[in-house]
Amino acid sequence: MSPKHPASVDVAKNPLGVLRFLYVGSSDVRKDLDYYTKILGARKIWDFTSMGTRVAAVNVSSGPLLLLAGHRPAPLFYRCSRLRT
């Protein structure tokens, strides 16, 4: 990875690295997705239901995508550097 790549960070200055995704546990992804998109004006990036759970990604800022995760307890914030799609 080149030093100019966004994932190449000085760990001493940025101990968590570059945040690309932030998991947020949700007890009701549909309700939370409606809140983020309709009330806060976030942009829905994707919304999947698979293996008995639902996860939706929303863009709420210039920072990481927020992942509303039905398989995580609410409230929970979890840093994730990579996702398999």
C-alpha atoms as a PDB file:
ATOM      1  CA  MET A   1       0.000   0.000   0.000  1.00  0.00           C
ATOM      2  CA  SER A   2       1.408   3.376  -0.936  1.00  0.00           C
ATOM      3  CA  PRO A   3       1.832   6.076   1.736  1.00  0.00           C
ATOM      4  CA  LYS A   4      -0.739   8.194  -0.127  1.00  0.00           C
ATOM      5  CA  HIS A   5      -3.397   5.453   0.053  1.00  0.00           C
ATOM      6  CA  PRO A   6      -6.174   6.425   2.541  1.00  0.00           C
ATOM      7  CA  ALA A   7      -5.678   3.164   4.440  1.00  0.00           C
ATOM      8  CA  SER A   8      -1.992   4.005   5.024  1.00  0.00           C
ATOM      9  CA  VAL A   9      -2.160   6.009   8.221  1.00  0.00           C
ATOM     10  CA  ASP A  10       0.217   6.856  11.010  1.00  0.00           C
ATOM     11  CA  VAL A  11      -1.026   4.511  13.744  1.00  0.00           C
ATOM     12  CA  ALA A  12       0.467   6.743  16.435  1.00  0.00           C
ATOM     13  CA  LYS A  13      -1.730   9.623  15.240  1.00  0.00           C
ATOM     14  CA  ASN A  14      -4.742   7.494  14.237  1.00  0.00           C
ATOM     15  CA  PRO A  15      -4.860   4.394  16.451  1.00  0.00           C
ATOM     16  CA  LEU A  16      -8.093   3.156  14.826  1.00  0.00           C
ATOM     17  CA  GLY A  17      -6.826   3.712  11.303  1.00  0.00           C
ATOM     18  CA  VAL A  18      -9.232   4.911   8.644  1.00  0.00           C
ATOM     19  CA  LEU A  19     -12.878   4.246   9.461  1.00  0.00           C
ATOM     20  CA  ARG A  20     -14.765   3.063   6.387  1.00  0.00           C
ATOM     21  CA  PHE A  21     -17.706   1.396   8.116  1.00  0.00           C
ATOM     22  CA  LEU A  22     -19.250   1.852  11.528  1.00  0.00           C
ATOM     23  CA  TYR A  23     -21.602  -0.893  12.709  1.00  0.00           C
ATOM     24  CA  VAL A  24     -24.544   0.319  14.749  1.00  0.00           C
ATOM     25  CA  GLY A  25     -26.627  -2.354  16.435  1.00  0.00           C
ATOM     26  CA  SER A  26     -30.345  -2.080  15.749  1.00  0.00           C
ATOM     27  CA  SER A  27     -33.380  -3.750  17.263  1.00  0.00           C
ATOM     28  CA  ASP A  28     -35.485  -2.582  14.277  1.00  0.00           C
ATOM     29  CA  VAL A  29     -33.496  -1.867  11.098  1.00  0.00           C
ATOM     30  CA  ARG A  30     -36.591  -0.744   9.133  1.00  0.00           C
ATOM     31  CA  LYS A  31     -37.490   1.862  11.752  1.00  0.00           C
ATOM     32  CA  ASP A  32     -33.898   3.041  12.139  1.00  0.00           C
ATOM     33  CA  LEU A  33     -33.398   3.205   8.361  1.00  0.00           C
ATOM     34  CA  ASP A  34     -36.551   5.327   8.047  1.00  0.00           C
ATOM     35  CA  TYR A  35     -35.251   7.665  10.756  1.00  0.00           C
ATOM     36  CA  TYR A  36     -31.821   8.116   9.182  1.00  0.00           C
ATOM     37  CA  THR A  37     -33.171   8.625   5.646  1.00  0.00           C
ATOM     38  CA  LYS A  38     -36.456  10.488   6.215  1.00  0.00           C
ATOM     39  CA  ILE A  39     -35.622  12.554   9.302  1.00  0.00           C
ATOM     40  CA  LEU A  40     -31.842  13.074   9.059  1.00  0.00           C
ATOM     41  CA  GLY A  41     -31.697  13.067   5.252  1.00  0.00           C
ATOM     42  CA  ALA A  42     -29.100  10.291   4.982  1.00  0.00           C
ATOM     43  CA  ARG A  43     -28.665   8.502   1.654  1.00  0.00           C
ATOM     44  CA  LYS A  44     -29.346   4.749   1.641  1.00  0.00           C
ATOM     45  CA  ILE A  45     -26.456   2.940  -0.060  1.00  0.00           C
ATOM     46  CA  TRP A  46     -27.734  -0.622   0.252  1.00  0.00           C
ATOM     47  CA  ASP A  47     -30.165  -2.735   2.271  1.00  0.00           C
ATOM     48  CA  PHE A  48     -29.881  -6.536   2.490  1.00  0.00           C
ATOM     49  CA  THR A  49     -31.693  -9.276   4.328  1.00  0.00           C
ATOM     50  CA  SER A  50     -29.885 -12.594   4.471  1.00  0.00           C
ATOM     51  CA  MET A  51     -29.420 -15.524   6.854  1.00  0.00           C
ATOM     52  CA  GLY A  52     -32.151 -14.258   9.158  1.00  0.00           C
ATOM     53  CA  THR A  53     -30.902 -10.699   9.630  1.00  0.00           C
ATOM     54  CA  ARG A  54     -31.028  -7.320   7.946  1.00  0.00           C
ATOM     55  CA  VAL A  55     -28.183  -4.847   7.442  1.00  0.00           C
ATOM     56  CA  ALA A  56     -28.471  -1.468   5.733  1.00  0.00           C
ATOM     57  CA  ALA A  57     -25.742   1.041   4.888  1.00  0.00           C
ATOM     58  CA  VAL A  58     -26.417   4.766   5.001  1.00  0.00           C
ATOM     59  CA  ASN A  59     -24.233   7.738   4.174  1.00  0.00           C
ATOM     60  CA  VAL A  60     -24.769  10.315   6.926  1.00  0.00           C
ATOM     61  CA  SER A  61     -21.518  12.280   6.695  1.00  0.00           C
ATOM     62  CA  SER A  62     -18.188  12.579   4.928  1.00  0.00           C
ATOM     63  CA  GLY A  63     -16.931   9.912   7.329  1.00  0.00           C
ATOM     64  CA  PRO A  64     -17.576   6.173   7.350  1.00  0.00           C
ATOM     65  CA  LEU A  65     -20.750   4.489   6.133  1.00  0.00           C
ATOM     66  CA  LEU A  66     -23.099   3.705   8.992  1.00  0.00           C
ATOM     67  CA  LEU A  67     -24.198   0.051   8.959  1.00  0.00           C
ATOM     68  CA  LEU A  68     -27.514  -0.562  10.718  1.00  0.00           C
ATOM     69  CA  ALA A  69     -27.138  -4.160  11.816  1.00  0.00           C
ATOM     70  CA  GLY A  70     -30.047  -6.275  13.016  1.00  0.00           C
ATOM     71  CA  HIS A  71     -27.689  -9.050  14.178  1.00  0.00           C
ATOM     72  CA  ARG A  72     -25.888  -6.772  16.653  1.00  0.00           C
ATOM     73  CA  PRO A  73     -27.374  -5.704  19.996  1.00  0.00           C
ATOM     74  CA  ALA A  74     -28.532  -2.105  20.213  1.00  0.00           C
ATOM     75  CA  PRO A  75     -26.871   0.184  21.036  1.00  0.00           C
ATOM     76  CA  LEU A  76     -23.496  -1.030  19.812  1.00  0.00           C
ATOM     77  CA  PHE A  77     -20.837   0.709  17.772  1.00  0.00           C
ATOM     78  CA  TYR A  78     -18.213  -1.460  16.113  1.00  0.00           C
ATOM     79  CA  ARG A  79     -15.317  -0.385  13.901  1.00  0.00           C
ATOM     80  CA  CYS A  80     -14.844  -2.403  10.726  1.00  0.00           C
ATOM     81  CA  SER A  81     -12.019  -1.735   8.270  1.00  0.00           C
ATOM     82  CA  ARG A  82     -13.161  -4.090   5.472  1.00  0.00           C
ATOM     83  CA  LEU A  83     -16.316  -5.838   4.367  1.00  0.00           C
ATOM     84  CA  ARG A  84     -16.766  -8.745   2.041  1.00  0.00           C
ATOM     85  CA  THR A  85     -19.565  -8.162  -0.431  1.00  0.00           C
END
